[in-house]
Protein backbone atom coordinates (compact mmCIF):
# COMPACT_ATOMS: atom_id res chain seq x y z
CA UNK A 1 93.80 88.02 106.77
CA UNK A 2 95.21 87.53 110.92
CA UNK A 3 96.33 86.17 115.42
CA UNK A 4 98.92 84.55 118.37
CA UNK A 5 99.75 82.25 121.74
CA UNK A 6 102.11 80.23 124.30
CA UNK A 7 103.11 76.60 125.32
CA UNK A 8 104.29 75.16 128.65
CA UNK A 9 108.05 75.34 128.76
CA UNK A 10 108.33 77.07 125.39
CA UNK A 11 110.74 79.86 124.69
CA UNK A 12 108.71 82.93 123.75
CA UNK A 13 109.31 86.36 122.36
CA UNK A 14 108.19 88.29 125.45
CA UNK A 15 108.09 92.05 125.54
CA UNK A 16 106.61 94.35 128.15
CA UNK A 17 104.07 97.04 127.51
CA UNK A 18 102.80 99.68 129.87
CA UNK A 19 99.54 97.85 130.57
CA UNK A 20 100.23 94.13 130.20
CA UNK A 21 102.63 91.54 128.91
CA UNK A 22 101.69 89.79 125.70
CA UNK A 23 103.84 86.94 124.46
CA UNK A 24 104.24 85.75 120.90
CA UNK A 25 105.32 82.13 121.18
CA UNK A 26 106.69 80.44 118.07
CA UNK A 27 104.96 77.04 117.84
CA UNK A 28 105.52 75.69 114.33
CA UNK A 29 107.51 76.32 111.17
CA UNK A 30 106.48 74.15 108.22
CA UNK A 31 107.70 73.99 104.61
CA UNK A 32 104.83 74.15 102.07
CA UNK A 33 106.91 74.42 98.91
CA UNK A 34 105.81 71.05 97.56
CA UNK A 35 102.20 72.29 97.33
CA UNK A 36 102.95 75.62 95.65
CA UNK A 37 105.10 74.16 92.90
CA UNK A 38 103.67 75.84 89.82
CA UNK A 39 101.00 73.21 89.29
CA UNK A 40 97.41 73.05 90.64
CA UNK A 41 97.67 75.65 93.41
CA UNK A 42 100.09 78.10 91.82
CA UNK A 43 103.77 78.82 92.43
CA UNK A 44 103.64 81.11 95.48
CA UNK A 45 101.63 81.02 98.72
CA UNK A 46 99.81 84.36 98.83
CA UNK A 47 97.26 84.54 101.67
CA UNK A 48 95.89 82.58 104.61
CA UNK A 49 92.54 82.13 106.40
CA UNK A 50 91.50 80.17 109.52
CA UNK A 51 88.15 78.72 110.59
CA UNK A 52 89.04 77.76 114.18
CA UNK A 53 90.25 74.28 113.24
CA UNK A 54 91.45 74.29 109.64
CA UNK A 55 93.80 76.56 107.76
CA UNK A 56 93.36 77.63 104.13
CA UNK A 57 96.24 78.95 102.04
CA UNK A 58 95.70 80.59 98.65
CA UNK A 59 98.34 80.61 95.95
CA UNK A 60 99.10 82.63 92.85
CA UNK A 61 101.19 81.91 89.78
CA UNK A 62 104.19 83.64 88.24
CA UNK A 63 103.68 81.97 84.86
CA UNK A 64 103.72 84.09 81.72
CA UNK A 65 100.13 83.19 80.79
CA UNK A 66 96.96 82.48 82.80
CA UNK A 67 97.61 79.43 84.95
CA UNK A 68 96.15 77.22 87.64
CA UNK A 69 95.89 78.74 91.12
CA UNK A 70 93.97 77.57 94.14
CA UNK A 71 93.57 76.91 97.85
CA UNK A 72 95.28 74.34 100.06
CA UNK A 73 93.30 73.16 103.10
CA UNK A 74 95.32 72.06 106.14
CA UNK A 75 93.20 70.11 108.61
CA UNK A 76 94.13 69.30 112.22
CA UNK A 77 96.48 72.30 112.06
CA UNK A 78 96.42 72.91 115.83
CA UNK A 79 97.74 69.43 116.59
CA UNK A 80 101.04 69.37 118.45
CA UNK A 81 102.27 66.83 115.89
CA UNK A 82 102.75 68.30 112.42
CA UNK A 83 102.85 64.76 111.01
CA UNK A 84 99.14 64.44 111.85
CA UNK A 85 98.16 67.44 109.74
CA UNK A 86 96.12 66.72 106.63
CA UNK A 87 96.70 68.48 103.30
CA UNK A 88 93.94 68.75 100.69
CA UNK A 89 94.07 70.80 97.46
CA UNK A 90 90.56 72.21 97.89
CA UNK A 91 90.06 74.71 95.07
CA UNK A 92 91.68 75.11 91.65
CA UNK A 93 90.89 77.50 88.81
CA UNK A 94 92.74 79.21 85.99
CA UNK A 95 93.43 82.91 86.43
CA UNK A 96 95.87 85.64 85.43
CA UNK A 97 99.47 85.02 86.45
CA UNK A 98 102.66 87.11 86.48
CA UNK A 99 102.40 88.16 90.14
CA UNK A 100 98.63 88.69 90.04
CA UNK A 101 98.05 87.75 93.65
CA UNK A 102 95.29 85.94 95.54
CA UNK A 103 93.45 87.12 98.65
CA UNK A 104 91.36 84.93 100.97
CA UNK A 105 88.73 85.35 103.72
CA UNK A 106 86.80 82.74 105.72
CA UNK A 107 83.31 83.51 107.05
CA UNK A 108 80.61 81.19 108.41
CA UNK A 109 81.48 78.07 106.46
CA UNK A 110 82.51 79.74 103.21
CA UNK A 111 85.72 80.96 101.60
CA UNK A 112 85.80 84.22 99.67
CA UNK A 113 88.66 84.03 97.21
CA UNK A 114 90.02 86.82 95.06
CA UNK A 115 92.32 85.60 92.28
CA UNK A 116 94.22 87.33 89.52
CA UNK A 117 94.09 90.45 91.69
CA UNK A 118 95.77 93.35 90.01
CA UNK A 119 94.75 92.18 86.55
CA UNK A 120 92.96 94.89 84.57
CA UNK A 121 91.29 92.78 81.87
CA UNK A 122 87.93 92.67 83.68
CA UNK A 123 87.52 89.13 82.40
CA UNK A 124 86.33 86.29 84.66
CA UNK A 125 88.86 84.04 82.91
CA UNK A 126 91.62 86.18 84.45
CA UNK A 127 90.40 87.72 87.68
CA UNK A 128 87.55 87.99 90.13
CA UNK A 129 86.22 87.35 93.62
CA UNK A 130 84.28 84.12 94.21
CA UNK A 131 82.53 82.26 97.04
CA UNK A 132 83.26 78.59 97.81
CA UNK A 133 81.98 76.02 100.29
CA UNK A 134 84.84 75.56 102.78
CA UNK A 135 84.13 71.84 103.21
CA UNK A 136 83.74 70.71 99.63
CA UNK A 137 85.48 73.49 97.72
CA UNK A 138 82.39 73.84 95.51
CA UNK A 139 81.83 77.31 94.05
CA UNK A 140 78.55 79.06 94.86
CA UNK A 141 77.55 79.67 91.26
CA UNK A 142 74.82 82.24 91.89
CA UNK A 143 76.77 84.47 94.28
CA UNK A 144 76.45 87.97 92.84
CA UNK A 145 74.12 86.23 90.33
CA UNK A 146 77.04 85.46 87.98
CA UNK A 147 79.21 83.65 90.55
CA UNK A 148 81.94 86.28 90.41
CA UNK A 149 82.54 89.90 91.39
CA UNK A 150 84.62 91.55 88.68
CA UNK A 151 86.51 94.85 89.03
CA UNK A 152 83.86 96.55 86.91
CA UNK A 153 81.29 95.54 89.55
CA UNK A 154 83.21 97.71 92.01
CA UNK A 155 81.93 101.03 90.66
CA UNK A 156 83.81 100.42 87.40
CA UNK A 157 87.22 99.91 89.00
CA UNK A 158 90.01 98.71 86.76
CA UNK A 159 91.20 96.07 89.25
CA UNK A 160 90.66 94.64 92.74
CA UNK A 161 93.49 94.16 95.25
CA UNK A 162 92.51 92.79 98.66
CA UNK A 163 89.67 91.38 100.78
CA UNK A 164 88.84 91.58 104.48
CA UNK A 165 85.88 91.11 106.84
CA UNK A 166 84.18 94.40 107.67
CA UNK A 167 82.54 93.86 111.10
CA UNK A 168 80.31 96.91 110.57
CA UNK A 169 80.00 100.04 112.66
CA UNK A 170 79.80 99.32 116.38
CA UNK A 171 76.92 101.78 116.92
CA UNK A 172 74.82 100.58 114.00
CA UNK A 173 71.70 98.80 115.39
CA UNK A 174 71.60 96.71 112.19
CA UNK A 175 75.28 95.87 112.32
CA UNK A 176 76.11 92.94 110.02
CA UNK A 177 79.54 91.81 108.81
CA UNK A 178 80.26 92.16 105.11
CA UNK A 179 83.09 91.58 102.69
CA UNK A 180 85.34 94.63 102.38
CA UNK A 181 87.34 95.13 99.19
CA UNK A 182 89.93 97.71 98.13
CA UNK A 183 91.11 98.50 94.63
CA UNK A 184 94.35 100.19 93.59
CA UNK A 185 93.58 103.67 92.27
CA UNK A 186 90.32 104.07 94.20
CA UNK A 187 89.92 105.77 97.59
CA UNK A 188 86.93 103.60 98.43
CA UNK A 189 86.16 100.59 100.60
CA UNK A 190 83.77 98.52 98.50
CA UNK A 191 81.48 96.11 100.33
CA UNK A 192 79.57 92.99 99.36
CA UNK A 193 76.91 90.96 101.13
CA UNK A 194 78.40 87.66 102.33
CA UNK A 195 75.22 85.74 101.60
CA UNK A 196 74.22 87.02 98.18
CA UNK A 197 77.22 88.91 96.87
CA UNK A 198 75.09 91.97 96.10
CA UNK A 199 76.71 95.38 96.43
CA UNK A 200 76.32 97.26 99.70
CA UNK A 201 76.89 101.03 99.93
CA UNK A 202 80.47 102.03 99.26
CA UNK A 203 82.47 103.71 102.00
CA UNK A 204 84.46 106.70 100.76
CA UNK A 205 87.83 106.79 102.56
CA UNK A 206 90.29 108.75 100.43
CA UNK A 207 93.86 108.53 101.85
CA UNK A 208 95.15 112.04 102.60
CA UNK A 209 98.78 112.41 103.65
CA UNK A 210 98.19 115.79 105.30
CA UNK A 211 94.85 114.70 106.79
CA UNK A 212 93.26 117.89 105.42
CA UNK A 213 92.03 116.44 102.15
CA UNK A 214 95.22 117.33 100.30
CA UNK A 215 98.22 115.24 99.22
CA UNK A 216 95.85 112.48 98.18
CA UNK A 217 97.01 109.02 97.16
CA UNK A 218 94.96 105.99 96.12
CA UNK A 219 97.59 103.23 95.90
CA UNK A 220 95.39 100.88 97.97
CA UNK A 221 97.01 97.49 98.68
CA UNK A 222 95.39 96.04 101.80
CA UNK A 223 92.88 96.89 104.52
CA UNK A 224 92.07 95.95 108.10
CA UNK A 225 89.29 96.78 110.53
CA UNK A 226 89.21 97.21 114.27
CA UNK A 227 86.49 95.23 116.07
CA UNK A 228 84.56 98.52 116.30
CA UNK A 229 84.66 98.93 112.52
CA UNK A 230 87.34 101.61 112.15
CA UNK A 231 89.28 101.35 108.88
CA UNK A 232 93.03 100.91 108.41
CA UNK A 233 94.50 101.02 104.91
CA UNK A 234 97.89 99.74 103.81
CA UNK A 235 99.44 101.50 100.89
CA UNK A 236 102.80 100.50 99.48
CA UNK A 237 104.82 102.72 101.80
CA UNK A 238 102.38 103.98 104.42
CA UNK A 239 99.43 103.16 106.69
CA UNK A 240 96.27 105.28 106.92
CA UNK A 241 93.46 105.40 109.49
CA UNK A 242 89.79 106.38 109.15
CA UNK A 243 87.50 106.45 112.22
CA UNK A 244 84.06 105.03 111.46
CA UNK A 245 81.14 107.43 111.91
CA UNK A 246 78.30 105.32 110.53
CA UNK A 247 77.36 102.14 108.74
CA UNK A 248 78.75 103.47 105.45
CA UNK A 249 80.85 106.48 106.46
CA UNK A 250 84.17 107.47 107.97
CA UNK A 251 85.10 110.86 109.39
CA UNK A 252 85.36 113.51 106.66
CA UNK A 253 85.25 110.74 104.01
CA UNK A 254 89.01 110.41 104.27
CA UNK A 255 91.78 108.37 105.87
CA UNK A 256 94.78 110.06 107.47
CA UNK A 257 98.35 108.82 107.27
CA UNK A 258 99.58 107.46 110.60
CA UNK A 259 102.78 105.72 109.41
CA UNK A 260 105.19 106.96 106.78
CA UNK A 261 107.46 104.31 105.26
CA UNK A 262 108.51 106.52 102.38
CA UNK A 263 112.02 105.05 102.07
CA UNK A 264 110.33 101.81 100.98
CA UNK A 265 109.72 101.29 97.26
CA UNK A 266 106.15 101.28 95.96
CA UNK A 267 106.43 98.39 93.51
CA UNK A 268 106.40 95.41 95.88
CA UNK A 269 104.11 92.47 95.15
CA UNK A 270 102.69 92.07 98.66
CA UNK A 271 102.44 94.59 101.50
CA UNK A 272 99.86 93.67 104.11
CA UNK A 273 98.20 94.72 107.34
CA UNK A 274 96.32 92.96 110.15
CA UNK A 275 94.50 94.25 113.24
CA UNK A 276 94.86 92.14 116.39
CA UNK A 277 92.95 92.61 119.66
CA UNK A 278 94.38 90.81 122.70
CA UNK A 279 92.34 91.44 125.83
CA UNK A 280 92.13 95.21 126.11
CA UNK A 281 95.26 95.76 124.02
CA UNK A 282 95.35 96.45 120.29
CA UNK A 283 98.11 95.60 117.84
CA UNK A 284 98.77 96.29 114.17
CA UNK A 285 100.69 93.58 112.34
CA UNK A 286 102.42 94.47 109.07
CA UNK A 287 105.36 93.47 106.90
CA UNK A 288 108.15 95.83 106.02
CA UNK A 289 111.76 95.71 104.95
CA UNK A 290 114.41 95.18 107.58
CA UNK A 291 116.54 98.38 107.57
CA UNK A 292 119.58 96.12 107.24
CA UNK A 293 118.10 94.04 104.42
CA UNK A 294 116.52 96.28 101.82
CA UNK A 295 116.05 93.52 99.27
CA UNK A 296 112.88 92.00 100.71
CA UNK A 297 110.07 92.42 103.20
CA UNK A 298 111.79 90.05 105.58
CA UNK A 299 110.24 91.09 108.89
CA UNK A 300 106.83 91.10 110.57
CA UNK A 301 106.40 94.17 112.75
CA UNK A 302 103.87 94.42 115.58
CA UNK A 303 103.04 97.78 117.14
CA UNK A 304 100.71 98.83 119.94
CA UNK A 305 98.30 101.74 120.09
CA UNK A 306 94.75 102.67 119.16
CA UNK A 307 92.93 104.86 116.67
CA UNK A 308 95.41 107.20 115.03
CA UNK A 309 98.08 106.72 117.70
CA UNK A 310 100.49 103.80 117.30
CA UNK A 311 104.10 103.48 118.36
CA UNK A 312 105.68 102.73 115.01
CA UNK A 313 109.05 104.06 116.23
CA UNK A 314 109.27 101.38 118.91
CA UNK A 315 107.68 98.12 117.72
CA UNK A 316 106.25 95.96 120.48
CA UNK A 317 107.68 92.92 118.71
CA UNK A 318 109.50 92.07 115.50
CA UNK A 319 109.01 88.51 114.28
CA UNK A 320 112.05 87.26 112.39
CA UNK A 321 111.09 83.60 111.97
CA UNK A 322 114.08 82.25 113.89
CA UNK A 323 112.46 82.44 117.31
CA UNK A 324 113.05 79.07 119.05
CA UNK A 325 110.32 76.45 118.80
CA UNK A 326 108.99 74.58 121.87
CA UNK A 327 111.40 71.67 121.28
CA UNK A 328 114.38 74.05 121.28
CA UNK A 329 115.08 73.92 117.55
CA UNK A 330 115.65 77.20 115.71
CA UNK A 331 114.21 77.70 112.21
CA UNK A 332 115.91 79.84 109.60
CA UNK A 333 115.27 83.57 109.56
CA UNK A 334 112.58 84.99 107.30
CA UNK A 335 114.17 86.06 104.04
CA UNK A 336 111.30 85.94 101.54
CA UNK A 337 109.33 88.70 99.84
CA UNK A 338 105.68 87.67 100.23
CA UNK A 339 104.08 87.88 103.65
CA UNK A 340 100.50 87.60 104.79
CA UNK A 341 98.79 86.94 108.10
CA UNK A 342 95.59 85.88 109.74
CA UNK A 343 94.58 85.15 113.31
CA UNK A 344 91.92 83.24 115.13
CA UNK A 345 90.93 81.45 118.30
CA UNK A 346 91.11 77.67 118.59
CA UNK A 347 91.53 74.94 121.18
CA UNK A 348 94.87 74.68 122.97
CA UNK A 349 96.39 71.17 123.11
CA UNK A 350 99.29 72.42 125.24
CA UNK A 351 96.74 72.78 128.05
CA UNK A 352 95.55 69.19 127.76
CA UNK A 353 93.06 69.05 124.89
CA UNK A 354 95.30 66.75 122.89
CA UNK A 355 92.48 65.27 120.79
CA UNK A 356 91.32 68.78 119.81
CA UNK A 357 87.64 68.18 120.59
CA UNK A 358 87.28 71.36 122.64
CA UNK A 359 87.30 69.90 126.17
CA UNK A 360 89.89 68.29 128.47
CA UNK A 361 88.31 65.01 129.56
CA UNK A 362 88.78 61.26 129.92
CA UNK A 363 89.66 60.88 126.24
CA UNK A 364 92.68 63.15 126.65
CA UNK A 365 93.70 61.42 129.87
CA UNK A 366 93.54 58.00 128.22
CA UNK A 367 95.45 59.26 125.17
CA UNK A 368 98.35 60.27 127.41
CA UNK A 369 98.22 57.10 129.52
CA UNK A 370 98.32 54.89 126.41
CA UNK A 371 101.37 56.80 125.11
CA UNK A 372 103.10 57.20 128.48
CA UNK A 373 106.86 56.92 128.15
CA UNK A 374 106.82 57.38 124.37
CA UNK A 375 107.80 60.41 122.30
CA UNK A 376 104.40 60.79 120.59
CA UNK A 377 104.36 64.49 119.76
CA UNK A 378 100.56 64.66 119.49
CA UNK A 379 100.10 64.09 123.25
CA UNK A 380 103.37 65.65 124.47
CA UNK A 381 101.71 68.78 125.87
CA UNK A 382 104.95 70.55 126.78
CA UNK A 383 106.80 69.36 123.65
CA UNK A 384 109.84 68.22 125.65
CA UNK A 385 110.20 64.98 123.68
CA UNK A 386 108.65 62.54 126.13
CA UNK A 387 105.12 61.79 127.33
CA UNK A 388 105.46 61.72 131.11
CA UNK A 389 104.10 62.96 134.44
CA UNK A 390 104.27 66.59 133.34
CA UNK A 391 101.83 65.93 130.50
CA UNK A 392 99.56 63.91 132.75
CA UNK A 393 99.50 66.73 135.30
CA UNK A 394 98.63 69.23 132.56
CA UNK A 395 95.50 67.24 131.75
CA UNK A 396 94.57 66.79 135.42
CA UNK A 397 95.01 70.48 136.23
CA UNK A 398 92.83 71.47 133.26
CA UNK A 399 90.31 68.62 133.50
CA UNK A 400 86.80 69.70 132.57
CA UNK A 401 87.89 72.98 130.99
CA UNK A 402 87.77 74.08 127.36
CA UNK A 403 91.16 75.75 126.88
CA UNK A 404 91.43 78.12 123.94
CA UNK A 405 94.16 80.37 122.64
CA UNK A 406 94.63 83.03 120.03
CA UNK A 407 96.91 82.12 117.12
CA UNK A 408 98.77 84.19 114.55
CA UNK A 409 99.43 82.43 111.25
CA UNK A 410 102.15 83.82 108.97
CA UNK A 411 102.79 82.68 105.40
CA UNK A 412 105.85 83.95 103.60
CA UNK A 413 107.09 82.94 100.21
CA UNK A 414 109.24 83.48 97.19
CA UNK A 415 109.43 81.47 93.99
CA UNK A 416 110.25 77.92 95.05
CA UNK A 417 110.08 78.57 98.79
CA UNK A 418 106.88 78.69 100.86
CA UNK A 419 106.63 78.47 104.63
CA UNK A 420 103.95 78.58 107.32
CA UNK A 421 104.74 79.77 110.84
CA UNK A 422 102.33 79.64 113.77
CA UNK A 423 102.60 81.82 116.87
CA UNK A 424 100.41 81.68 119.94
CA UNK A 425 99.47 84.95 121.59
CA UNK A 426 99.24 84.90 125.38
């Protein structure tokens, strides 16, 4: 679920920190409503995953009965020209509806998709976590032997709620990433083997508001991990932290509250959390209500810190959706209820790799020369509306390099309205 970057000449949201300046540059804002229209992929965009080149967006349905939900694949998504993006409905299946959300993770060529999450029927026809080939969309039928992880497979949980990649404990000599899962009502991080789907040892991490083992809550909604393997849990109106002490353990088997959002209601469909490392700086990305707009989670907050210490009182950045785009246009403000995020590193066409093959070379130079004087957005590296000397110089200055950037992808939705926004993190 989560990353961010910057373009030549673009207007960025730039804020200073004590150690370095990180910029969140708004690159794209794209309407996806026609794909999440209550048909094959569901009625609401719910989660997003990135493989370095392609984006995958999972939907859920608000229908009264089980309905079709699925995953939209967007290829060529880093292209400067949104008209060159490709859209493929990749996965469809019937699952529980009525705000039973979907959660999505990409790992090593496969998608791990949780659908009907929140449903308590324990029936594969309504809910479950499945593995799919990210190229073909074909389900891996023998994953977890049955092809699905049900809530009852999670130590007899009544439901499952969110997925994330657990990188493992940094000091574990056998460190291997696994699929982390949280379930509402359980103070446990469940884990599954990416390859086989078999259960790995659970990690007890009971959220304690007083950090002494008392004032316990188990309203687990989302999770995130630091690169070192520390655990962050998002509950409806708070964030908890648990330092990793071993492959399957956290300190004192509990997570301590580090952010109290108690004025927020607990009955929201989607509250989410993402951990972002930029150089030597760490960020937590989360959605929360704007204090001036209590009707929806209409803001993405980004705070700096580490471990248990984060500056929630003074966010490093607040993304509102109406940050100017590179061409100077200003999208509408975020005003929808459902937010989710993912991040990842990919090639940077604004630095000359306009054909997105990972290197600035003769092919990029020729692409710009052939379009010189036109307004072809795909090769307009600075997005100023014309392919000219500035774009040619960008290629020449970066010739022979493999420019990459970190990107933050944000999906936000309500019934009938779904939008994707891309930020680059510099």
